[in-house]
């Protein structure tokens, strides 16, 4: 069996990939594309809902694509027939600004700041986006993230199901538990 890696002659070496990653960070920094990534620390699932806790934010460089091409969306399986609702895509390098590896995943948050007044260069608006899908582009050494506007998670009042309250719906409604015998007796 051959120990040779199945690569083409022009396939980049690890050193070349590292250089590309550093160029990506430098290019994004020069354009002022800097944000904070809140990586997922823990996921708790209650019934069908997932609740996240996040690590401390790390500073990352990114490129934002607000109007992605159909070919890009098809490549990652994110294309929908509805032309009005295109996702926002974000390209993140594999490392943060401190040269530490990052791991964006579903549930992570990307926080970015943009100028909100074209006449005042000092006025910024900060927005948070949830990362809903992540794909890795190994050839270009970056993550491609599908973003959605961040919405604050609402915690359930009592997330522990009980026999009388299996999904917490009894909090607002009084429910009588009936059986088949009760239904038969009502029709008599």
N, C-alpha and C. Protein backbone atom coordinates (compact mmCIF):
# COMPACT_ATOMS: atom_id res chain seq x y z
N UNK A 1 0.84 -1.17 0.00
CA UNK A 1 0.00 0.00 0.00
C UNK A 1 0.89 1.24 0.00
N UNK A 2 0.52 2.21 -0.80
CA UNK A 2 1.32 3.42 -0.93
C UNK A 2 1.09 4.37 0.24
N UNK A 3 2.15 5.00 0.72
CA UNK A 3 2.05 5.98 1.81
C UNK A 3 1.98 7.40 1.27
N UNK A 4 2.03 7.53 -0.04
CA UNK A 4 1.98 8.85 -0.66
C UNK A 4 0.57 9.44 -0.55
N UNK A 5 0.50 10.71 -0.20
CA UNK A 5 -0.78 11.40 -0.06
C UNK A 5 -1.37 11.66 -1.45
N UNK A 6 -2.71 11.48 -1.60
CA UNK A 6 -3.35 11.70 -2.91
C UNK A 6 -3.54 13.20 -3.17
N UNK A 7 -2.49 13.87 -3.60
CA UNK A 7 -2.54 15.30 -3.90
C UNK A 7 -1.96 15.57 -5.27
N UNK A 8 -2.40 16.66 -5.82
CA UNK A 8 -1.82 17.11 -7.07
C UNK A 8 -0.51 17.84 -6.81
N UNK A 9 0.23 18.09 -7.85
CA UNK A 9 1.52 18.77 -7.74
C UNK A 9 1.36 20.19 -7.22
N UNK A 10 0.29 20.86 -7.59
CA UNK A 10 0.09 22.24 -7.19
C UNK A 10 -0.66 22.40 -5.87
N UNK A 11 -0.97 21.29 -5.19
CA UNK A 11 -1.68 21.36 -3.91
C UNK A 11 -0.80 22.10 -2.91
N UNK A 12 -1.37 23.10 -2.18
CA UNK A 12 -0.53 23.90 -1.29
C UNK A 12 0.00 23.10 -0.11
N UNK A 13 1.22 23.42 0.28
CA UNK A 13 1.81 22.78 1.47
C UNK A 13 1.21 23.44 2.71
N UNK A 14 1.45 22.85 3.89
CA UNK A 14 0.93 23.42 5.12
C UNK A 14 1.50 24.82 5.34
N UNK A 15 2.75 25.02 4.98
CA UNK A 15 3.38 26.33 5.12
C UNK A 15 2.68 27.37 4.24
N UNK A 16 2.30 26.98 3.03
CA UNK A 16 1.58 27.88 2.13
C UNK A 16 0.17 28.19 2.66
N UNK A 17 -0.48 27.19 3.25
CA UNK A 17 -1.82 27.40 3.82
C UNK A 17 -1.72 28.37 5.00
N UNK A 18 -0.71 28.21 5.84
CA UNK A 18 -0.51 29.13 6.97
C UNK A 18 -0.27 30.55 6.47
N UNK A 19 0.48 30.69 5.39
CA UNK A 19 0.74 32.00 4.83
C UNK A 19 -0.57 32.61 4.29
N UNK A 20 -1.40 31.78 3.65
CA UNK A 20 -2.68 32.25 3.15
C UNK A 20 -3.56 32.74 4.31
N UNK A 21 -3.58 31.98 5.42
CA UNK A 21 -4.38 32.37 6.59
C UNK A 21 -3.92 33.72 7.13
N UNK A 22 -2.63 33.92 7.21
CA UNK A 22 -2.11 35.20 7.71
C UNK A 22 -2.45 36.34 6.74
N UNK A 23 -2.39 36.07 5.43
CA UNK A 23 -2.77 37.08 4.44
C UNK A 23 -4.25 37.44 4.55
N UNK A 24 -5.08 36.43 4.81
CA UNK A 24 -6.52 36.65 4.99
C UNK A 24 -6.76 37.58 6.18
N UNK A 25 -6.12 37.30 7.31
CA UNK A 25 -6.27 38.14 8.51
C UNK A 25 -5.77 39.55 8.23
N UNK A 26 -4.61 39.66 7.57
CA UNK A 26 -4.06 40.98 7.27
C UNK A 26 -4.98 41.77 6.34
N UNK A 27 -5.51 41.12 5.30
CA UNK A 27 -6.41 41.80 4.38
C UNK A 27 -7.69 42.26 5.06
N UNK A 28 -8.26 41.41 5.90
CA UNK A 28 -9.47 41.78 6.62
C UNK A 28 -9.19 42.91 7.61
N UNK A 29 -8.03 42.87 8.26
CA UNK A 29 -7.65 43.94 9.20
C UNK A 29 -7.47 45.27 8.47
N UNK A 30 -6.84 45.24 7.31
CA UNK A 30 -6.62 46.47 6.55
C UNK A 30 -7.95 47.10 6.12
N UNK A 31 -8.95 46.26 5.86
CA UNK A 31 -10.26 46.77 5.49
C UNK A 31 -11.13 47.10 6.71
N UNK A 32 -10.61 46.84 7.90
CA UNK A 32 -11.35 47.14 9.11
C UNK A 32 -12.41 46.12 9.45
N UNK A 33 -12.29 44.93 8.94
CA UNK A 33 -13.27 43.87 9.20
C UNK A 33 -12.86 43.08 10.42
N UNK A 34 -13.23 43.59 11.58
CA UNK A 34 -12.87 42.94 12.83
C UNK A 34 -14.12 42.82 13.69
N UNK A 35 -14.30 41.67 14.31
CA UNK A 35 -15.47 41.44 15.14
C UNK A 35 -15.13 40.52 16.29
N UNK A 36 -16.16 40.12 17.01
CA UNK A 36 -15.97 39.22 18.16
C UNK A 36 -16.79 37.96 17.94
N UNK A 37 -16.14 36.82 18.16
CA UNK A 37 -16.79 35.52 18.04
C UNK A 37 -17.00 34.95 19.43
N UNK A 38 -18.26 34.62 19.74
CA UNK A 38 -18.61 33.95 20.98
C UNK A 38 -18.81 32.48 20.64
N UNK A 39 -17.80 31.66 20.94
CA UNK A 39 -17.90 30.24 20.63
C UNK A 39 -18.79 29.54 21.65
N UNK A 40 -19.45 28.47 21.21
CA UNK A 40 -20.34 27.72 22.09
C UNK A 40 -19.50 26.97 23.13
N UNK A 41 -19.87 27.15 24.39
CA UNK A 41 -19.20 26.45 25.49
C UNK A 41 -19.98 25.20 25.88
N UNK A 42 -21.32 25.34 25.93
CA UNK A 42 -22.15 24.22 26.36
C UNK A 42 -23.52 24.32 25.70
N UNK A 43 -24.10 23.17 25.36
CA UNK A 43 -25.44 23.11 24.77
C UNK A 43 -26.31 22.25 25.68
N UNK A 44 -27.47 22.78 26.06
CA UNK A 44 -28.44 22.04 26.84
C UNK A 44 -29.69 21.90 26.00
N UNK A 45 -30.20 20.68 25.90
CA UNK A 45 -31.41 20.46 25.12
C UNK A 45 -32.55 20.17 26.07
N UNK A 46 -33.62 20.95 25.95
CA UNK A 46 -34.83 20.75 26.72
C UNK A 46 -35.96 20.57 25.72
N UNK A 47 -36.52 19.37 25.73
CA UNK A 47 -37.51 18.97 24.73
C UNK A 47 -36.91 19.17 23.34
N UNK A 48 -37.43 20.05 22.52
CA UNK A 48 -36.88 20.25 21.17
C UNK A 48 -36.05 21.52 21.06
N UNK A 49 -35.89 22.25 22.17
CA UNK A 49 -35.16 23.50 22.14
C UNK A 49 -33.73 23.32 22.65
N UNK A 50 -32.80 24.05 22.04
CA UNK A 50 -31.41 24.03 22.48
C UNK A 50 -31.07 25.37 23.11
N UNK A 51 -30.39 25.31 24.25
CA UNK A 51 -29.98 26.50 24.98
C UNK A 51 -28.47 26.49 25.07
N UNK A 52 -27.85 27.62 24.72
CA UNK A 52 -26.40 27.70 24.62
C UNK A 52 -25.83 28.56 25.74
N UNK A 53 -24.62 28.21 26.14
CA UNK A 53 -23.79 29.12 26.93
C UNK A 53 -22.54 29.32 26.10
N UNK A 54 -21.95 30.52 26.20
CA UNK A 54 -20.85 30.88 25.33
C UNK A 54 -19.58 31.16 26.11
N UNK A 55 -18.47 30.96 25.44
CA UNK A 55 -17.15 31.31 26.00
C UNK A 55 -16.95 32.81 25.89
N UNK A 56 -15.90 33.30 26.49
CA UNK A 56 -15.55 34.71 26.35
C UNK A 56 -15.26 35.00 24.88
N UNK A 57 -15.61 36.19 24.41
CA UNK A 57 -15.42 36.48 22.98
C UNK A 57 -13.94 36.61 22.62
N UNK A 58 -13.63 36.21 21.39
CA UNK A 58 -12.29 36.38 20.84
C UNK A 58 -12.41 37.27 19.60
N UNK A 59 -11.39 38.08 19.35
CA UNK A 59 -11.42 38.98 18.21
C UNK A 59 -11.02 38.23 16.95
N UNK A 60 -11.85 38.36 15.93
CA UNK A 60 -11.62 37.65 14.67
C UNK A 60 -11.70 38.62 13.50
N UNK A 61 -11.13 38.20 12.39
CA UNK A 61 -11.23 38.94 11.13
C UNK A 61 -12.24 38.21 10.25
N UNK A 62 -12.98 38.97 9.47
CA UNK A 62 -14.03 38.36 8.67
C UNK A 62 -14.25 39.15 7.39
N UNK A 63 -14.93 38.51 6.45
CA UNK A 63 -15.50 39.17 5.27
C UNK A 63 -16.98 38.83 5.27
N UNK A 64 -17.81 39.83 5.07
CA UNK A 64 -19.25 39.65 5.07
C UNK A 64 -19.77 39.73 3.64
N UNK A 65 -20.65 38.80 3.28
CA UNK A 65 -21.27 38.78 1.95
C UNK A 65 -22.78 38.85 2.16
N UNK A 66 -23.36 40.03 1.93
CA UNK A 66 -24.79 40.21 2.18
C UNK A 66 -25.66 39.75 1.02
N UNK A 67 -25.09 39.65 -0.16
CA UNK A 67 -25.85 39.22 -1.32
C UNK A 67 -25.07 38.13 -2.05
N UNK A 68 -25.04 36.91 -1.49
CA UNK A 68 -24.22 35.86 -2.09
C UNK A 68 -24.77 35.38 -3.43
N UNK A 69 -23.87 34.92 -4.27
CA UNK A 69 -24.25 34.39 -5.57
C UNK A 69 -24.93 33.03 -5.41
N UNK A 70 -25.78 32.70 -6.36
CA UNK A 70 -26.49 31.43 -6.34
C UNK A 70 -25.52 30.25 -6.37
N UNK A 71 -24.44 30.37 -7.13
CA UNK A 71 -23.47 29.27 -7.23
C UNK A 71 -22.82 28.96 -5.89
N UNK A 72 -22.56 30.00 -5.09
CA UNK A 72 -21.97 29.78 -3.76
C UNK A 72 -22.97 29.08 -2.86
N UNK A 73 -24.22 29.54 -2.89
CA UNK A 73 -25.25 28.91 -2.05
C UNK A 73 -25.50 27.47 -2.45
N UNK A 74 -25.49 27.18 -3.76
CA UNK A 74 -25.66 25.81 -4.23
C UNK A 74 -24.49 24.92 -3.78
N UNK A 75 -23.29 25.47 -3.78
CA UNK A 75 -22.10 24.70 -3.40
C UNK A 75 -22.22 24.16 -1.97
N UNK A 76 -22.81 24.96 -1.08
CA UNK A 76 -22.91 24.55 0.32
C UNK A 76 -24.30 24.02 0.69
N UNK A 77 -25.21 23.93 -0.27
CA UNK A 77 -26.54 23.40 -0.01
C UNK A 77 -27.43 24.37 0.74
N UNK A 78 -27.18 25.67 0.63
CA UNK A 78 -27.94 26.69 1.35
C UNK A 78 -28.86 27.48 0.43
N UNK A 79 -29.03 27.04 -0.79
CA UNK A 79 -29.86 27.76 -1.74
C UNK A 79 -31.33 27.43 -1.50
N UNK A 80 -32.20 28.43 -1.55
CA UNK A 80 -33.64 28.22 -1.48
C UNK A 80 -34.26 28.83 -2.73
N UNK A 81 -35.44 28.37 -3.07
CA UNK A 81 -36.14 28.87 -4.26
C UNK A 81 -36.56 30.32 -4.09
N UNK A 82 -36.74 30.75 -2.84
CA UNK A 82 -37.20 32.11 -2.57
C UNK A 82 -36.05 33.08 -2.80
N UNK A 83 -36.13 33.86 -3.86
CA UNK A 83 -35.03 34.78 -4.19
C UNK A 83 -35.00 35.98 -3.25
N UNK A 84 -36.07 36.22 -2.50
CA UNK A 84 -36.12 37.36 -1.59
C UNK A 84 -35.35 37.11 -0.31
N UNK A 85 -35.20 35.86 0.09
CA UNK A 85 -34.57 35.58 1.39
C UNK A 85 -33.24 34.87 1.21
N UNK A 86 -32.22 35.63 0.90
CA UNK A 86 -30.88 35.08 0.79
C UNK A 86 -30.20 35.19 2.15
N UNK A 87 -29.42 34.17 2.54
CA UNK A 87 -28.72 34.27 3.81
C UNK A 87 -27.55 35.25 3.72
N UNK A 88 -27.09 35.69 4.87
CA UNK A 88 -25.88 36.49 4.95
C UNK A 88 -24.75 35.52 5.20
N UNK A 89 -23.70 35.59 4.39
CA UNK A 89 -22.56 34.69 4.56
C UNK A 89 -21.39 35.46 5.14
N UNK A 90 -20.58 34.75 5.89
CA UNK A 90 -19.40 35.34 6.51
C UNK A 90 -18.24 34.37 6.33
N UNK A 91 -17.11 34.90 5.90
CA UNK A 91 -15.89 34.10 5.78
C UNK A 91 -15.00 34.42 6.98
N UNK A 92 -14.66 33.38 7.73
CA UNK A 92 -13.79 33.53 8.90
C UNK A 92 -12.53 32.71 8.68
N UNK A 93 -11.40 33.23 9.11
CA UNK A 93 -10.17 32.47 9.04
C UNK A 93 -10.16 31.40 10.13
N UNK A 94 -9.24 30.46 10.08
CA UNK A 94 -9.17 29.39 11.07
C UNK A 94 -8.61 29.86 12.41
N UNK A 95 -8.07 31.08 12.46
CA UNK A 95 -7.43 31.56 13.69
C UNK A 95 -7.94 32.94 14.06
N UNK A 96 -7.92 33.24 15.36
CA UNK A 96 -8.30 34.57 15.80
C UNK A 96 -7.12 35.52 15.65
N UNK A 97 -7.28 36.76 16.11
CA UNK A 97 -6.21 37.75 15.94
C UNK A 97 -5.00 37.48 16.82
N UNK A 98 -5.16 36.62 17.82
CA UNK A 98 -4.03 36.22 18.67
C UNK A 98 -3.35 34.96 18.14
N UNK A 99 -3.73 34.52 16.95
CA UNK A 99 -3.17 33.35 16.28
C UNK A 99 -3.57 32.03 16.95
N UNK A 100 -4.69 32.02 17.68
CA UNK A 100 -5.22 30.80 18.29
C UNK A 100 -6.31 30.23 17.41
N UNK A 101 -6.42 28.90 17.33
CA UNK A 101 -7.46 28.30 16.49
C UNK A 101 -8.86 28.64 17.02
N UNK A 102 -9.80 28.86 16.11
CA UNK A 102 -11.19 29.10 16.50
C UNK A 102 -12.04 27.94 16.00
N UNK A 103 -13.23 27.81 16.59
CA UNK A 103 -14.12 26.73 16.20
C UNK A 103 -15.56 27.24 16.15
N UNK A 104 -15.92 27.98 15.09
CA UNK A 104 -17.31 28.42 14.98
C UNK A 104 -18.21 27.22 14.74
N UNK A 105 -19.36 27.22 15.38
CA UNK A 105 -20.30 26.11 15.23
C UNK A 105 -21.71 26.66 15.29
N UNK A 106 -22.67 25.82 15.02
CA UNK A 106 -24.07 26.22 15.13
C UNK A 106 -24.33 26.69 16.55
N UNK A 107 -24.93 27.86 16.68
CA UNK A 107 -25.20 28.42 18.00
C UNK A 107 -24.21 29.47 18.44
N UNK A 108 -23.07 29.56 17.76
CA UNK A 108 -22.09 30.59 18.09
C UNK A 108 -22.63 31.95 17.64
N UNK A 109 -22.06 33.01 18.18
CA UNK A 109 -22.50 34.37 17.87
C UNK A 109 -21.33 35.16 17.31
N UNK A 110 -21.59 35.92 16.25
CA UNK A 110 -20.61 36.84 15.69
C UNK A 110 -21.12 38.25 15.91
N UNK A 111 -20.31 39.07 16.57
CA UNK A 111 -20.68 40.46 16.86
C UNK A 111 -19.82 41.37 15.99
N UNK A 112 -20.50 42.24 15.22
CA UNK A 112 -19.76 43.16 14.35
C UNK A 112 -20.30 44.57 14.55
N UNK A 113 -19.45 45.54 14.31
CA UNK A 113 -19.84 46.94 14.40
C UNK A 113 -19.65 47.60 13.04
N UNK A 114 -20.62 48.40 12.65
CA UNK A 114 -20.56 49.10 11.37
C UNK A 114 -20.92 50.56 11.58
N UNK A 115 -20.45 51.41 10.69
CA UNK A 115 -20.83 52.82 10.74
C UNK A 115 -22.32 52.94 10.40
N UNK A 116 -23.04 53.68 11.21
CA UNK A 116 -24.48 53.80 10.94
C UNK A 116 -24.88 55.18 10.43
N UNK A 117 -23.92 56.08 10.28
CA UNK A 117 -24.23 57.40 9.76
C UNK A 117 -23.18 57.75 8.71
N UNK A 118 -23.57 57.94 7.46
CA UNK A 118 -22.58 58.22 6.42
C UNK A 118 -21.87 59.56 6.59
N UNK A 119 -22.42 60.46 7.41
CA UNK A 119 -21.83 61.79 7.60
C UNK A 119 -21.01 61.90 8.88
N UNK A 120 -21.10 60.88 9.73
CA UNK A 120 -20.36 60.90 11.00
C UNK A 120 -19.53 59.62 11.07
N UNK A 121 -18.25 59.73 10.84
CA UNK A 121 -17.37 58.56 10.84
C UNK A 121 -17.11 57.96 12.21
N UNK A 122 -17.61 58.58 13.26
CA UNK A 122 -17.36 58.08 14.62
C UNK A 122 -18.56 57.37 15.21
N UNK A 123 -19.67 57.31 14.50
CA UNK A 123 -20.90 56.71 15.02
C UNK A 123 -21.00 55.26 14.51
N UNK A 124 -21.05 54.31 15.45
CA UNK A 124 -21.10 52.90 15.09
C UNK A 124 -22.33 52.22 15.68
N UNK A 125 -22.80 51.22 14.98
CA UNK A 125 -23.90 50.39 15.46
C UNK A 125 -23.38 48.96 15.55
N UNK A 126 -23.62 48.30 16.66
CA UNK A 126 -23.16 46.93 16.86
C UNK A 126 -24.32 45.97 16.68
N UNK A 127 -24.10 44.94 15.88
CA UNK A 127 -25.11 43.90 15.63
C UNK A 127 -24.53 42.55 15.96
N UNK A 128 -25.39 41.67 16.44
CA UNK A 128 -24.99 40.29 16.70
C UNK A 128 -25.74 39.39 15.73
N UNK A 129 -25.02 38.36 15.26
CA UNK A 129 -25.60 37.39 14.36
C UNK A 129 -25.37 35.99 14.91
N UNK A 130 -26.39 35.14 14.79
CA UNK A 130 -26.25 33.73 15.15
C UNK A 130 -25.66 32.99 13.96
N UNK A 131 -24.74 32.11 14.24
CA UNK A 131 -24.22 31.23 13.19
C UNK A 131 -25.15 30.03 13.14
N UNK A 132 -25.85 29.87 12.02
CA UNK A 132 -26.83 28.79 11.92
C UNK A 132 -26.28 27.57 11.18
N UNK A 133 -25.27 27.78 10.35
CA UNK A 133 -24.60 26.67 9.66
C UNK A 133 -23.16 27.06 9.41
N UNK A 134 -22.30 26.05 9.41
CA UNK A 134 -20.88 26.29 9.15
C UNK A 134 -20.38 25.23 8.18
N UNK A 135 -19.59 25.67 7.23
CA UNK A 135 -18.92 24.75 6.32
C UNK A 135 -17.45 25.14 6.29
N UNK A 136 -16.61 24.17 6.03
CA UNK A 136 -15.18 24.42 5.98
C UNK A 136 -14.69 24.32 4.56
N UNK A 137 -14.02 25.36 4.11
CA UNK A 137 -13.43 25.36 2.78
C UNK A 137 -11.94 25.08 2.97
N UNK A 138 -11.56 23.82 2.88
CA UNK A 138 -10.17 23.44 3.16
C UNK A 138 -9.20 23.99 2.13
N UNK A 139 -9.63 24.11 0.89
CA UNK A 139 -8.72 24.61 -0.13
C UNK A 139 -8.31 26.05 0.13
N UNK A 140 -9.25 26.84 0.64
CA UNK A 140 -8.95 28.24 0.91
C UNK A 140 -8.66 28.49 2.39
N UNK A 141 -8.73 27.46 3.20
CA UNK A 141 -8.38 27.54 4.61
C UNK A 141 -9.22 28.55 5.38
N UNK A 142 -10.54 28.44 5.25
CA UNK A 142 -11.42 29.34 5.99
C UNK A 142 -12.74 28.65 6.28
N UNK A 143 -13.50 29.22 7.21
CA UNK A 143 -14.86 28.79 7.51
C UNK A 143 -15.83 29.67 6.73
N UNK A 144 -16.90 29.07 6.23
CA UNK A 144 -17.98 29.82 5.61
C UNK A 144 -19.17 29.64 6.54
N UNK A 145 -19.68 30.76 7.07
CA UNK A 145 -20.76 30.71 8.05
C UNK A 145 -22.03 31.33 7.47
N UNK A 146 -23.15 30.67 7.71
CA UNK A 146 -24.47 31.17 7.34
C UNK A 146 -25.02 31.88 8.57
N UNK A 147 -25.33 33.17 8.44
CA UNK A 147 -25.72 33.99 9.59
C UNK A 147 -27.20 34.34 9.57
N UNK A 148 -27.74 34.56 10.77
CA UNK A 148 -29.10 35.07 10.95
C UNK A 148 -29.04 36.09 12.08
N UNK A 149 -29.89 37.11 12.05
CA UNK A 149 -29.88 38.08 13.15
C UNK A 149 -30.07 37.39 14.50
N UNK A 150 -29.34 37.84 15.49
CA UNK A 150 -29.39 37.24 16.82
C UNK A 150 -30.65 37.65 17.55
N UNK A 151 -31.30 36.69 18.16
CA UNK A 151 -32.45 36.94 19.02
C UNK A 151 -32.12 36.39 20.40
N UNK A 152 -32.42 37.15 21.42
CA UNK A 152 -32.15 36.71 22.78
C UNK A 152 -32.94 35.45 23.08
N UNK A 153 -32.29 34.47 23.71
CA UNK A 153 -32.95 33.24 24.06
C UNK A 153 -33.83 33.45 25.28
N UNK A 154 -35.04 32.96 25.21
CA UNK A 154 -35.93 33.01 26.36
C UNK A 154 -35.82 31.69 27.12
N UNK A 155 -35.52 31.79 28.38
CA UNK A 155 -35.39 30.60 29.21
C UNK A 155 -36.78 30.17 29.69
N UNK A 156 -37.07 28.87 29.69
CA UNK A 156 -38.36 28.42 30.22
C UNK A 156 -38.43 28.65 31.73
N UNK A 157 -39.63 28.90 32.23
CA UNK A 157 -39.79 29.13 33.66
C UNK A 157 -39.48 27.87 34.44
N UNK A 158 -40.01 26.75 33.98
CA UNK A 158 -39.78 25.48 34.65
C UNK A 158 -39.45 24.44 33.59
N UNK A 159 -38.19 24.25 33.27
CA UNK A 159 -37.86 23.37 32.15
C UNK A 159 -37.95 21.88 32.46
N UNK A 160 -38.20 21.48 33.73
CA UNK A 160 -38.22 20.07 34.07
C UNK A 160 -39.63 19.52 33.90
N UNK A 161 -39.85 18.60 32.96
CA UNK A 161 -41.20 18.04 32.76
C UNK A 161 -41.63 17.22 33.98
N UNK A 162 -42.92 17.25 34.27
CA UNK A 162 -43.50 16.45 35.35
C UNK A 162 -44.63 15.63 34.77
N UNK A 163 -45.12 14.59 35.48
CA UNK A 163 -46.23 13.79 34.93
C UNK A 163 -47.48 14.62 34.64
N UNK A 164 -47.78 15.61 35.49
CA UNK A 164 -48.96 16.44 35.26
C UNK A 164 -48.69 17.57 34.28
N UNK A 165 -47.45 17.85 34.03
CA UNK A 165 -47.07 18.97 33.18
C UNK A 165 -45.92 18.55 32.25
N UNK A 166 -46.20 17.70 31.26
CA UNK A 166 -45.11 17.16 30.44
C UNK A 166 -44.35 18.19 29.62
N UNK A 167 -45.00 19.24 29.18
CA UNK A 167 -44.30 20.24 28.38
C UNK A 167 -44.56 21.66 28.85
N UNK A 168 -44.94 21.79 30.12
CA UNK A 168 -45.16 23.10 30.74
C UNK A 168 -46.36 23.86 30.19
N UNK A 169 -47.23 23.20 29.45
CA UNK A 169 -48.38 23.93 28.94
C UNK A 169 -49.41 24.19 30.04
N UNK A 170 -49.36 23.44 31.15
CA UNK A 170 -50.31 23.66 32.24
C UNK A 170 -50.07 24.96 32.99
N UNK A 171 -49.04 25.64 32.68
CA UNK A 171 -48.75 26.90 33.34
C UNK A 171 -49.86 27.91 33.06
N UNK A 172 -50.47 27.83 31.90
CA UNK A 172 -51.51 28.78 31.52
C UNK A 172 -52.90 28.15 31.43
N UNK A 173 -52.98 26.84 31.29
CA UNK A 173 -54.27 26.18 31.11
C UNK A 173 -54.46 25.13 32.20
N UNK A 174 -55.69 24.99 32.64
CA UNK A 174 -56.03 23.89 33.53
C UNK A 174 -56.48 22.73 32.66
N UNK A 175 -55.81 21.63 32.80
CA UNK A 175 -56.08 20.50 31.92
C UNK A 175 -56.60 19.35 32.76
N UNK A 176 -57.69 18.74 32.32
CA UNK A 176 -58.23 17.57 32.99
C UNK A 176 -57.74 16.35 32.24
N UNK A 177 -57.16 15.43 32.97
CA UNK A 177 -56.66 14.21 32.33
C UNK A 177 -57.82 13.22 32.30
N UNK A 178 -58.20 12.80 31.08
CA UNK A 178 -59.31 11.87 30.92
C UNK A 178 -58.81 10.64 30.20
N UNK A 179 -59.52 9.56 30.41
CA UNK A 179 -59.17 8.30 29.76
C UNK A 179 -60.26 7.88 28.80
N UNK A 180 -60.11 6.74 28.17
CA UNK A 180 -61.07 6.24 27.20
C UNK A 180 -62.39 5.93 27.89
N UNK A 181 -62.33 5.37 29.12
CA UNK A 181 -63.57 5.05 29.84
C UNK A 181 -64.40 6.29 30.07
N UNK A 182 -63.77 7.41 30.35
CA UNK A 182 -64.51 8.66 30.55
C UNK A 182 -65.23 9.07 29.28
N UNK A 183 -64.64 8.89 28.11
CA UNK A 183 -65.27 9.23 26.85
C UNK A 183 -66.47 8.33 26.54
N UNK A 184 -66.34 7.04 26.84
CA UNK A 184 -67.44 6.09 26.57
C UNK A 184 -68.63 6.42 27.45
N UNK A 185 -68.41 6.74 28.73
CA UNK A 185 -69.50 7.05 29.65
C UNK A 185 -70.23 8.32 29.25
N UNK A 186 -69.53 9.28 28.59
CA UNK A 186 -70.17 10.53 28.18
C UNK A 186 -71.15 10.32 27.04
N UNK A 187 -70.92 9.35 26.18
CA UNK A 187 -71.80 9.13 25.02
C UNK A 187 -73.06 8.36 25.39
N UNK A 188 -73.12 7.74 26.56
CA UNK A 188 -74.30 6.95 26.96
C UNK A 188 -75.48 7.80 27.30
